[in-house]
Amino acid sequence: QVQLVESGGGLVQVGGSLRLSCAASGSVFNINVMSWYRQPPGSQRELVASVTSGGHTTYADSVKGRFTISRDNAKNMVFLQMDSLTPEDTAVYFCNAPVQTLAAPYSPVDCWGQGTQVTVSS
């Protein structure tokens, strides 16, 4: 069984920064892509950024130039550095990864973290 656990959310003022972390634990064999999603109040969940095990990154247009995704493959962790935050970034942020487990390495399991709240106040 695999779990994703996020940390690092909180309350910050406009223009401030936060760093989110997500750690995968359990019987992890391999994780190719790790992503951050967010769900603003009253809105649908949206993709924020993704990073492959090789370090290739993609970003939503709304966060390009402000957010940076990175990962530590050895520790099965992914990070999201968020700078120049605005009230529009207020959301619950979720870590996501299709995880190849030791028991079934060719059948990735889509895993989600529990979410961490980010609130940007003006």
C-alpha atoms as a PDB file:
ATOM      1  CA  GLN A   1       0.000   0.000   0.000  1.00  0.00           C
ATOM      2  CA  VAL A   2       1.216   3.490  -0.847  1.00  0.00           C
ATOM      3  CA  GLN A   3       0.423   6.808   0.801  1.00  0.00           C
ATOM      4  CA  LEU A   4       1.106  10.363  -0.289  1.00  0.00           C
ATOM      5  CA  VAL A   5       1.376  12.881   2.526  1.00  0.00           C
ATOM      6  CA  GLU A   6       1.550  16.633   1.911  1.00  0.00           C
ATOM      7  CA  SER A   7       2.839  19.319   4.224  1.00  0.00           C
ATOM      8  CA  GLY A   8       3.713  22.991   4.130  1.00  0.00           C
ATOM      9  CA  GLY A   9       0.398  24.723   3.562  1.00  0.00           C
ATOM     10  CA  GLY A  10      -0.768  27.684   5.582  1.00  0.00           C
ATOM     11  CA  LEU A  11      -1.768  31.327   5.606  1.00  0.00           C
ATOM     12  CA  VAL A  12       0.391  33.862   3.801  1.00  0.00           C
ATOM     13  CA  GLN A  13       0.003  37.462   2.665  1.00  0.00           C
ATOM     14  CA  VAL A  14      -0.120  38.610  -0.930  1.00  0.00           C
ATOM     15  CA  GLY A  15       3.335  38.491  -2.457  1.00  0.00           C
ATOM     16  CA  GLY A  16       4.565  35.932   0.015  1.00  0.00           C
ATOM     17  CA  SER A  17       5.962  32.439  -0.491  1.00  0.00           C
ATOM     18  CA  LEU A  18       5.229  28.910   0.623  1.00  0.00           C
ATOM     19  CA  ARG A  19       6.906  25.583  -0.046  1.00  0.00           C
ATOM     20  CA  LEU A  20       4.805  22.440  -0.217  1.00  0.00           C
ATOM     21  CA  SER A  21       6.224  18.970   0.226  1.00  0.00           C
ATOM     22  CA  CYS A  22       4.801  15.564  -0.582  1.00  0.00           C
ATOM     23  CA  ALA A  23       6.285  12.224   0.392  1.00  0.00           C
ATOM     24  CA  ALA A  24       5.307   8.829  -0.951  1.00  0.00           C
ATOM     25  CA  SER A  25       5.638   5.963   1.487  1.00  0.00           C
ATOM     26  CA  GLY A  26       4.975   2.252   1.362  1.00  0.00           C
ATOM     27  CA  SER A  27       5.873  -0.351  -1.221  1.00  0.00           C
ATOM     28  CA  VAL A  28       6.991   2.015  -3.969  1.00  0.00           C
ATOM     29  CA  PHE A  29       8.755   0.463  -6.953  1.00  0.00           C
ATOM     30  CA  ASN A  30       8.842   3.463  -9.259  1.00  0.00           C
ATOM     31  CA  ILE A  31       7.118   6.802  -9.808  1.00  0.00           C
ATOM     32  CA  ASN A  32       7.447   8.348 -13.246  1.00  0.00           C
ATOM     33  CA  VAL A  33       5.404  11.529 -12.943  1.00  0.00           C
ATOM     34  CA  MET A  34       4.570  13.481  -9.797  1.00  0.00           C
ATOM     35  CA  SER A  35       2.108  16.354  -9.898  1.00  0.00           C
ATOM     36  CA  TRP A  36       0.465  19.055  -7.857  1.00  0.00           C
ATOM     37  CA  TYR A  37      -3.210  19.874  -8.319  1.00  0.00           C
ATOM     38  CA  ARG A  38      -5.312  22.473  -6.562  1.00  0.00           C
ATOM     39  CA  GLN A  39      -8.986  23.003  -5.915  1.00  0.00           C
ATOM     40  CA  PRO A  40     -10.080  26.582  -5.241  1.00  0.00           C
ATOM     41  CA  PRO A  41     -13.270  27.144  -3.219  1.00  0.00           C
ATOM     42  CA  GLY A  42     -16.315  26.307  -5.319  1.00  0.00           C
ATOM     43  CA  SER A  43     -14.215  25.235  -8.286  1.00  0.00           C
ATOM     44  CA  GLN A  44     -12.984  22.049  -9.868  1.00  0.00           C
ATOM     45  CA  ARG A  45      -9.599  20.536  -9.257  1.00  0.00           C
ATOM     46  CA  GLU A  46      -6.950  21.747 -11.701  1.00  0.00           C
ATOM     47  CA  LEU A  47      -3.436  20.706 -12.597  1.00  0.00           C
ATOM     48  CA  VAL A  48      -0.783  23.104 -11.330  1.00  0.00           C
ATOM     49  CA  ALA A  49       2.516  21.456 -12.262  1.00  0.00           C
ATOM     50  CA  SER A  50       4.110  18.121 -13.058  1.00  0.00           C
ATOM     51  CA  VAL A  51       7.644  16.730 -13.038  1.00  0.00           C
ATOM     52  CA  THR A  52       8.976  13.499 -14.498  1.00  0.00           C
ATOM     53  CA  SER A  53      11.660  11.329 -12.925  1.00  0.00           C
ATOM     54  CA  GLY A  54      14.015  12.789 -15.515  1.00  0.00           C
ATOM     55  CA  GLY A  55      13.296  16.322 -14.367  1.00  0.00           C
ATOM     56  CA  HIS A  56      11.034  17.509 -17.188  1.00  0.00           C
ATOM     57  CA  THR A  57       8.521  20.017 -15.851  1.00  0.00           C
ATOM     58  CA  THR A  58       5.219  21.458 -17.030  1.00  0.00           C
ATOM     59  CA  TYR A  59       3.175  24.264 -15.507  1.00  0.00           C
ATOM     60  CA  ALA A  60      -0.283  25.743 -15.747  1.00  0.00           C
ATOM     61  CA  ASP A  61      -0.161  29.145 -17.430  1.00  0.00           C
ATOM     62  CA  SER A  62      -1.482  30.793 -14.279  1.00  0.00           C
ATOM     63  CA  VAL A  63       1.588  29.811 -12.237  1.00  0.00           C
ATOM     64  CA  LYS A  64       4.406  29.981 -14.796  1.00  0.00           C
ATOM     65  CA  GLY A  65       7.268  32.100 -13.543  1.00  0.00           C
ATOM     66  CA  ARG A  66       5.975  32.040  -9.954  1.00  0.00           C
ATOM     67  CA  PHE A  67       5.882  28.359  -8.986  1.00  0.00           C
ATOM     68  CA  THR A  68       8.685  25.810  -9.225  1.00  0.00           C
ATOM     69  CA  ILE A  69       8.173  22.066  -8.999  1.00  0.00           C
ATOM     70  CA  SER A  70      11.045  19.757  -8.104  1.00  0.00           C
ATOM     71  CA  ARG A  71      11.536  16.259  -6.772  1.00  0.00           C
ATOM     72  CA  ASP A  72      13.905  13.999  -4.909  1.00  0.00           C
ATOM     73  CA  ASN A  73      13.725  10.637  -6.658  1.00  0.00           C
ATOM     74  CA  ALA A  74      15.696   8.818  -3.983  1.00  0.00           C
ATOM     75  CA  LYS A  75      13.219   9.879  -1.302  1.00  0.00           C
ATOM     76  CA  ASN A  76      10.093   9.700  -3.504  1.00  0.00           C
ATOM     77  CA  MET A  77       9.313  13.310  -2.697  1.00  0.00           C
ATOM     78  CA  VAL A  78       7.988  16.206  -4.718  1.00  0.00           C
ATOM     79  CA  PHE A  79       8.058  19.889  -3.808  1.00  0.00           C
ATOM     80  CA  LEU A  80       6.255  23.008  -4.940  1.00  0.00           C
ATOM     81  CA  GLN A  81       7.904  26.342  -4.302  1.00  0.00           C
ATOM     82  CA  MET A  82       5.260  29.055  -4.597  1.00  0.00           C
ATOM     83  CA  ASP A  83       6.365  32.676  -4.864  1.00  0.00           C
ATOM     84  CA  SER A  84       4.554  35.944  -5.509  1.00  0.00           C
ATOM     85  CA  LEU A  85       1.344  34.433  -4.214  1.00  0.00           C
ATOM     86  CA  THR A  86      -1.982  36.086  -4.975  1.00  0.00           C
ATOM     87  CA  PRO A  87      -5.478  35.549  -3.521  1.00  0.00           C
ATOM     88  CA  GLU A  88      -6.291  33.551  -6.676  1.00  0.00           C
ATOM     89  CA  ASP A  89      -3.813  30.912  -5.491  1.00  0.00           C
ATOM     90  CA  THR A  90      -6.003  30.174  -2.464  1.00  0.00           C
ATOM     91  CA  ALA A  91      -6.970  26.508  -2.698  1.00  0.00           C
ATOM     92  CA  VAL A  92      -6.501  23.055  -1.287  1.00  0.00           C
ATOM     93  CA  TYR A  93      -3.359  21.647  -2.893  1.00  0.00           C
ATOM     94  CA  PHE A  94      -3.111  17.936  -3.641  1.00  0.00           C
ATOM     95  CA  CYS A  95      -0.149  15.762  -4.517  1.00  0.00           C
ATOM     96  CA  ASN A  96      -0.760  13.103  -7.174  1.00  0.00           C
ATOM     97  CA  ALA A  97       1.267  10.274  -8.623  1.00  0.00           C
ATOM     98  CA  PRO A  98       0.626   7.048 -10.515  1.00  0.00           C
ATOM     99  CA  VAL A  99       2.711   4.711  -8.374  1.00  0.00           C
ATOM    100  CA  GLN A 100       4.194   1.436  -9.530  1.00  0.00           C
ATOM    101  CA  THR A 101       4.211  -0.804  -6.457  1.00  0.00           C
ATOM    102  CA  LEU A 102       6.485  -3.695  -5.623  1.00  0.00           C
ATOM    103  CA  ALA A 103       3.512  -6.049  -5.789  1.00  0.00           C
ATOM    104  CA  ALA A 104       2.376  -4.844  -9.217  1.00  0.00           C
ATOM    105  CA  PRO A 105       5.141  -2.881 -10.940  1.00  0.00           C
ATOM    106  CA  TYR A 106       3.388  -2.857 -14.333  1.00  0.00           C
ATOM    107  CA  SER A 107       0.008  -1.679 -12.998  1.00  0.00           C
ATOM    108  CA  PRO A 108       0.411   1.843 -11.617  1.00  0.00           C
ATOM    109  CA  VAL A 109      -1.999   2.886  -8.887  1.00  0.00           C
ATOM    110  CA  ASP A 110      -3.258   6.468  -9.055  1.00  0.00           C
ATOM    111  CA  CYS A 111      -2.536   7.905  -5.615  1.00  0.00           C
ATOM    112  CA  TRP A 112      -3.649  11.189  -4.053  1.00  0.00           C
ATOM    113  CA  GLY A 113      -2.626  12.941  -0.899  1.00  0.00           C
ATOM    114  CA  GLN A 114      -5.124  14.256   1.621  1.00  0.00           C
ATOM    115  CA  GLY A 115      -4.589  17.863   0.578  1.00  0.00           C
ATOM    116  CA  THR A 116      -3.123  20.886   2.283  1.00  0.00           C
ATOM    117  CA  GLN A 117      -4.812  24.282   2.533  1.00  0.00           C
ATOM    118  CA  VAL A 118      -3.099  27.353   1.126  1.00  0.00           C
ATOM    119  CA  THR A 119      -4.724  30.679   1.912  1.00  0.00           C
ATOM    120  CA  VAL A 120      -3.410  33.958   0.526  1.00  0.00           C
ATOM    121  CA  SER A 121      -4.786  37.005   2.285  1.00  0.00           C
ATOM    122  CA  SER A 122      -4.929  40.522   0.961  1.00  0.00           C
END
